[in-house]
Amino acid sequence: MKKELLLLFCIGLCALNTTNLLGQQRPQKEATLQAEDEEGPALYKFEPDYLAAEEARRKEILIIRSMIDSMDISDGKRQKLVRDLYRNKDSKRLTKILLANNKFEELED
């Protein structure tokens, strides 16, 4: 019984060692990686206008930020509005202030 278990253990150990040797002989995947690098990130396949959308969002944030900075409000409220602008541009507080600012500008014209 002991000899059979020892023989099975040795055979199993040899089988595990040969799988590592065979793993070294597999073809490299560098060709597929190089093709992926030439195409660009996978994100561009699904959303090709991602960079343009991000650029537009940054410009919009800068415009709204300049509007917030030009308002006559307290620093604490200004910081909250800027935080809302970067986190979620559709917050109630930000929408309320921007609508009030736009209505005020329309009345001046």
N, C-alpha and C. Protein backbone atom coordinates (compact mmCIF):
# COMPACT_ATOMS: atom_id res chain seq x y z
N MET A 1 0.82 -1.19 0.00
CA MET A 1 0.00 0.00 0.00
C MET A 1 0.87 1.25 0.00
N LYS A 2 1.93 1.23 0.84
CA LYS A 2 2.81 2.40 0.91
C LYS A 2 3.55 2.61 -0.41
N LYS A 3 3.95 1.51 -1.04
CA LYS A 3 4.68 1.62 -2.30
C LYS A 3 3.79 2.22 -3.39
N GLU A 4 2.52 1.80 -3.41
CA GLU A 4 1.59 2.33 -4.41
C GLU A 4 1.34 3.82 -4.21
N LEU A 5 1.17 4.24 -2.97
CA LEU A 5 0.96 5.66 -2.68
C LEU A 5 2.19 6.48 -3.04
N LEU A 6 3.36 5.93 -2.74
CA LEU A 6 4.61 6.62 -3.08
C LEU A 6 4.76 6.74 -4.59
N LEU A 7 4.41 5.68 -5.31
CA LEU A 7 4.49 5.69 -6.77
C LEU A 7 3.51 6.72 -7.35
N LEU A 8 2.28 6.76 -6.86
CA LEU A 8 1.29 7.73 -7.32
C LEU A 8 1.73 9.16 -7.02
N PHE A 9 2.32 9.35 -5.86
CA PHE A 9 2.81 10.68 -5.48
C PHE A 9 3.92 11.13 -6.42
N CYS A 10 4.83 10.23 -6.73
CA CYS A 10 5.94 10.56 -7.64
C CYS A 10 5.43 10.86 -9.05
N ILE A 11 4.48 10.07 -9.52
CA ILE A 11 3.91 10.30 -10.85
C ILE A 11 3.20 11.65 -10.90
N GLY A 12 2.45 11.96 -9.86
CA GLY A 12 1.76 13.26 -9.79
C GLY A 12 2.73 14.42 -9.75
N LEU A 13 3.80 14.26 -9.00
CA LEU A 13 4.82 15.30 -8.90
C LEU A 13 5.51 15.52 -10.25
N CYS A 14 5.79 14.43 -10.95
CA CYS A 14 6.40 14.55 -12.28
C CYS A 14 5.44 15.22 -13.26
N ALA A 15 4.17 14.89 -13.17
CA ALA A 15 3.18 15.50 -14.07
C ALA A 15 3.09 17.00 -13.84
N LEU A 16 3.13 17.41 -12.58
CA LEU A 16 3.08 18.84 -12.28
C LEU A 16 4.32 19.57 -12.79
N ASN A 17 5.46 18.94 -12.68
CA ASN A 17 6.70 19.57 -13.15
C ASN A 17 6.75 19.67 -14.67
N THR A 18 6.20 18.69 -15.38
CA THR A 18 6.23 18.75 -16.85
C THR A 18 5.27 19.82 -17.38
N THR A 19 4.21 20.12 -16.67
CA THR A 19 3.31 21.18 -17.15
C THR A 19 4.01 22.53 -17.14
N ASN A 20 4.88 22.76 -16.18
CA ASN A 20 5.64 24.01 -16.15
C ASN A 20 6.60 24.08 -17.33
N LEU A 21 7.20 22.95 -17.68
CA LEU A 21 8.12 22.93 -18.82
C LEU A 21 7.39 23.17 -20.13
N LEU A 22 6.20 22.60 -20.26
CA LEU A 22 5.43 22.80 -21.48
C LEU A 22 4.90 24.23 -21.57
N GLY A 23 4.67 24.84 -20.45
CA GLY A 23 4.18 26.22 -20.45
C GLY A 23 5.19 27.19 -21.00
N GLN A 24 6.47 26.87 -20.89
CA GLN A 24 7.52 27.73 -21.42
C GLN A 24 7.60 27.67 -22.94
N GLN A 25 7.06 26.62 -23.53
CA GLN A 25 7.17 26.44 -24.97
C GLN A 25 5.99 27.02 -25.74
N ARG A 26 5.03 27.60 -25.08
CA ARG A 26 3.88 28.19 -25.76
C ARG A 26 4.31 29.45 -26.51
N PRO A 27 3.65 29.76 -27.62
CA PRO A 27 4.02 30.96 -28.39
C PRO A 27 3.72 32.24 -27.60
N GLN A 28 4.53 33.23 -27.83
CA GLN A 28 4.37 34.50 -27.12
C GLN A 28 3.19 35.27 -27.70
N LYS A 29 2.57 36.09 -26.87
CA LYS A 29 1.42 36.89 -27.30
C LYS A 29 1.82 38.34 -27.59
N GLU A 30 3.08 38.57 -27.87
CA GLU A 30 3.56 39.93 -28.12
C GLU A 30 2.95 40.51 -29.38
N ALA A 31 2.72 39.68 -30.39
CA ALA A 31 2.15 40.18 -31.64
C ALA A 31 0.76 40.76 -31.41
N THR A 32 -0.04 40.09 -30.61
CA THR A 32 -1.38 40.60 -30.34
C THR A 32 -1.31 41.85 -29.47
N LEU A 33 -0.36 41.90 -28.55
CA LEU A 33 -0.22 43.09 -27.72
C LEU A 33 0.24 44.29 -28.54
N GLN A 34 1.13 44.08 -29.50
CA GLN A 34 1.58 45.17 -30.35
C GLN A 34 0.44 45.68 -31.21
N ALA A 35 -0.39 44.80 -31.72
CA ALA A 35 -1.54 45.21 -32.53
C ALA A 35 -2.50 46.03 -31.68
N GLU A 36 -2.68 45.64 -30.42
CA GLU A 36 -3.55 46.37 -29.51
C GLU A 36 -3.01 47.77 -29.24
N ASP A 37 -1.69 47.88 -29.09
CA ASP A 37 -1.07 49.17 -28.84
C ASP A 37 -1.23 50.10 -30.04
N GLU A 38 -1.15 49.56 -31.24
CA GLU A 38 -1.29 50.38 -32.43
C GLU A 38 -2.71 50.91 -32.58
N GLU A 39 -3.70 50.12 -32.21
CA GLU A 39 -5.10 50.54 -32.32
C GLU A 39 -5.47 51.56 -31.26
N GLY A 40 -4.83 51.52 -30.14
CA GLY A 40 -5.17 52.40 -29.04
C GLY A 40 -5.97 51.64 -28.01
N PRO A 41 -6.34 52.31 -26.94
CA PRO A 41 -7.10 51.64 -25.88
C PRO A 41 -8.46 51.13 -26.38
N ALA A 42 -8.96 50.12 -25.71
CA ALA A 42 -10.24 49.53 -26.10
C ALA A 42 -11.39 50.51 -25.90
N LEU A 43 -11.21 51.51 -25.04
CA LEU A 43 -12.26 52.50 -24.80
C LEU A 43 -12.61 53.25 -26.08
N TYR A 44 -11.63 53.50 -26.92
CA TYR A 44 -11.88 54.26 -28.15
C TYR A 44 -12.71 53.48 -29.16
N LYS A 45 -12.72 52.16 -29.04
CA LYS A 45 -13.56 51.36 -29.92
C LYS A 45 -15.04 51.58 -29.61
N PHE A 46 -15.36 51.71 -28.34
CA PHE A 46 -16.74 51.82 -27.92
C PHE A 46 -17.21 53.26 -27.80
N GLU A 47 -16.30 54.16 -27.51
CA GLU A 47 -16.66 55.57 -27.39
C GLU A 47 -15.55 56.41 -28.04
N PRO A 48 -15.61 56.55 -29.37
CA PRO A 48 -14.52 57.24 -30.07
C PRO A 48 -14.43 58.73 -29.76
N ASP A 49 -15.51 59.36 -29.34
CA ASP A 49 -15.51 60.79 -29.05
C ASP A 49 -15.28 61.08 -27.57
N TYR A 50 -14.65 60.17 -26.87
CA TYR A 50 -14.46 60.33 -25.43
C TYR A 50 -13.61 61.56 -25.11
N LEU A 51 -12.51 61.73 -25.81
CA LEU A 51 -11.64 62.87 -25.53
C LEU A 51 -12.33 64.19 -25.85
N ALA A 52 -13.09 64.24 -26.93
CA ALA A 52 -13.81 65.47 -27.28
C ALA A 52 -14.87 65.78 -26.23
N ALA A 53 -15.55 64.75 -25.73
CA ALA A 53 -16.57 64.96 -24.71
C ALA A 53 -15.94 65.46 -23.41
N GLU A 54 -14.80 64.89 -23.04
CA GLU A 54 -14.11 65.34 -21.83
C GLU A 54 -13.63 66.78 -21.97
N GLU A 55 -13.14 67.12 -23.15
CA GLU A 55 -12.67 68.49 -23.39
C GLU A 55 -13.84 69.48 -23.29
N ALA A 56 -15.00 69.10 -23.85
CA ALA A 56 -16.17 69.96 -23.77
C ALA A 56 -16.63 70.11 -22.32
N ARG A 57 -16.58 69.02 -21.56
CA ARG A 57 -16.98 69.09 -20.15
C ARG A 57 -16.03 70.00 -19.36
N ARG A 58 -14.74 69.92 -19.63
CA ARG A 58 -13.78 70.79 -18.93
C ARG A 58 -14.02 72.26 -19.26
N LYS A 59 -14.31 72.56 -20.53
CA LYS A 59 -14.60 73.94 -20.91
C LYS A 59 -15.86 74.44 -20.22
N GLU A 60 -16.88 73.57 -20.17
CA GLU A 60 -18.13 73.94 -19.51
C GLU A 60 -17.89 74.20 -18.02
N ILE A 61 -17.08 73.37 -17.40
CA ILE A 61 -16.76 73.55 -15.98
C ILE A 61 -16.04 74.87 -15.77
N LEU A 62 -15.11 75.21 -16.65
CA LEU A 62 -14.39 76.48 -16.51
C LEU A 62 -15.32 77.68 -16.65
N ILE A 63 -16.27 77.61 -17.58
CA ILE A 63 -17.22 78.71 -17.76
C ILE A 63 -18.10 78.86 -16.53
N ILE A 64 -18.64 77.75 -16.04
CA ILE A 64 -19.52 77.81 -14.87
C ILE A 64 -18.72 78.23 -13.64
N ARG A 65 -17.48 77.77 -13.55
CA ARG A 65 -16.63 78.17 -12.41
C ARG A 65 -16.38 79.67 -12.42
N SER A 66 -16.16 80.25 -13.60
CA SER A 66 -15.97 81.70 -13.67
C SER A 66 -17.25 82.44 -13.30
N MET A 67 -18.41 81.86 -13.66
CA MET A 67 -19.69 82.48 -13.26
C MET A 67 -19.84 82.45 -11.74
N ILE A 68 -19.50 81.32 -11.14
CA ILE A 68 -19.61 81.19 -9.68
C ILE A 68 -18.66 82.15 -8.99
N ASP A 69 -17.44 82.27 -9.51
CA ASP A 69 -16.46 83.17 -8.90
C ASP A 69 -16.86 84.63 -9.02
N SER A 70 -17.62 84.98 -10.05
CA SER A 70 -18.02 86.37 -10.22
C SER A 70 -19.25 86.75 -9.38
N MET A 71 -19.91 85.77 -8.79
CA MET A 71 -21.10 86.05 -7.97
C MET A 71 -20.71 86.64 -6.63
N ASP A 72 -21.62 87.41 -6.08
CA ASP A 72 -21.41 88.02 -4.77
C ASP A 72 -22.04 87.12 -3.70
N ILE A 73 -21.33 86.04 -3.36
CA ILE A 73 -21.80 85.10 -2.35
C ILE A 73 -20.65 84.81 -1.39
N SER A 74 -20.99 84.18 -0.27
CA SER A 74 -19.97 83.89 0.74
C SER A 74 -19.00 82.81 0.23
N ASP A 75 -17.82 82.77 0.85
CA ASP A 75 -16.81 81.80 0.43
C ASP A 75 -17.24 80.37 0.68
N GLY A 76 -17.93 80.13 1.78
CA GLY A 76 -18.40 78.77 2.08
C GLY A 76 -19.38 78.28 1.03
N LYS A 77 -20.31 79.16 0.65
CA LYS A 77 -21.29 78.78 -0.35
C LYS A 77 -20.61 78.60 -1.71
N ARG A 78 -19.63 79.42 -2.01
CA ARG A 78 -18.88 79.31 -3.26
C ARG A 78 -18.16 77.96 -3.32
N GLN A 79 -17.54 77.56 -2.21
CA GLN A 79 -16.84 76.27 -2.18
C GLN A 79 -17.81 75.11 -2.37
N LYS A 80 -18.99 75.21 -1.76
CA LYS A 80 -19.99 74.15 -1.93
C LYS A 80 -20.44 74.06 -3.38
N LEU A 81 -20.62 75.21 -4.02
CA LEU A 81 -21.05 75.21 -5.42
C LEU A 81 -19.97 74.63 -6.33
N VAL A 82 -18.73 74.97 -6.07
CA VAL A 82 -17.63 74.43 -6.89
C VAL A 82 -17.53 72.92 -6.67
N ARG A 83 -17.70 72.48 -5.44
CA ARG A 83 -17.67 71.04 -5.16
C ARG A 83 -18.81 70.34 -5.89
N ASP A 84 -20.00 70.94 -5.87
CA ASP A 84 -21.13 70.37 -6.60
C ASP A 84 -20.85 70.34 -8.10
N LEU A 85 -20.20 71.36 -8.60
CA LEU A 85 -19.90 71.43 -10.03
C LEU A 85 -19.00 70.27 -10.45
N TYR A 86 -17.98 69.98 -9.67
CA TYR A 86 -17.06 68.90 -10.04
C TYR A 86 -17.65 67.52 -9.77
N ARG A 87 -18.43 67.38 -8.73
CA ARG A 87 -18.99 66.06 -8.40
C ARG A 87 -20.21 65.73 -9.25
N ASN A 88 -21.20 66.63 -9.23
CA ASN A 88 -22.46 66.38 -9.92
C ASN A 88 -23.00 67.71 -10.40
N LYS A 89 -22.91 67.95 -11.69
CA LYS A 89 -23.29 69.26 -12.20
C LYS A 89 -24.81 69.47 -12.23
N ASP A 90 -25.58 68.45 -11.89
CA ASP A 90 -27.04 68.57 -11.88
C ASP A 90 -27.61 68.67 -10.47
N SER A 91 -26.83 69.15 -9.52
CA SER A 91 -27.33 69.25 -8.15
C SER A 91 -28.33 70.40 -8.04
N LYS A 92 -29.22 70.30 -7.06
CA LYS A 92 -30.26 71.32 -6.88
C LYS A 92 -29.65 72.68 -6.54
N ARG A 93 -28.67 72.68 -5.67
CA ARG A 93 -28.06 73.93 -5.22
C ARG A 93 -27.42 74.67 -6.39
N LEU A 94 -26.68 73.95 -7.21
CA LEU A 94 -25.99 74.55 -8.34
C LEU A 94 -26.99 75.03 -9.40
N THR A 95 -28.00 74.22 -9.69
CA THR A 95 -29.01 74.60 -10.67
C THR A 95 -29.76 75.85 -10.23
N LYS A 96 -30.09 75.91 -8.95
CA LYS A 96 -30.83 77.06 -8.42
C LYS A 96 -30.02 78.35 -8.57
N ILE A 97 -28.75 78.30 -8.21
CA ILE A 97 -27.90 79.49 -8.29
C ILE A 97 -27.68 79.90 -9.74
N LEU A 98 -27.43 78.93 -10.62
CA LEU A 98 -27.17 79.27 -12.03
C LEU A 98 -28.42 79.81 -12.71
N LEU A 99 -29.59 79.28 -12.38
CA LEU A 99 -30.83 79.81 -12.96
C LEU A 99 -31.07 81.23 -12.47
N ALA A 100 -30.82 81.48 -11.20
CA ALA A 100 -30.99 82.83 -10.67
C ALA A 100 -30.02 83.79 -11.34
N ASN A 101 -28.81 83.36 -11.57
CA ASN A 101 -27.81 84.20 -12.23
C ASN A 101 -28.20 84.48 -13.68
N ASN A 102 -28.72 83.48 -14.39
CA ASN A 102 -29.13 83.67 -15.78
C ASN A 102 -30.33 84.59 -15.89
N LYS A 103 -31.31 84.45 -14.98
CA LYS A 103 -32.48 85.32 -15.00
C LYS A 103 -32.08 86.76 -14.74
N PHE A 104 -31.13 86.93 -13.86
CA PHE A 104 -30.66 88.28 -13.54
C PHE A 104 -30.01 88.90 -14.78
N GLU A 105 -29.23 88.13 -15.53
CA GLU A 105 -28.59 88.65 -16.73
C GLU A 105 -29.62 88.97 -17.80
N GLU A 106 -30.68 88.17 -17.92
CA GLU A 106 -31.72 88.44 -18.91
C GLU A 106 -32.47 89.72 -18.59
N LEU A 107 -32.68 89.99 -17.31
CA LEU A 107 -33.38 91.21 -16.93
C LEU A 107 -32.55 92.45 -17.25
N GLU A 108 -31.26 92.36 -17.20
CA GLU A 108 -30.40 93.51 -17.50
C GLU A 108 -30.45 93.87 -18.97
N ASP A 109 -30.60 92.89 -19.84
CA ASP A 109 -30.60 93.16 -21.29
C ASP A 109 -31.85 93.82 -21.67
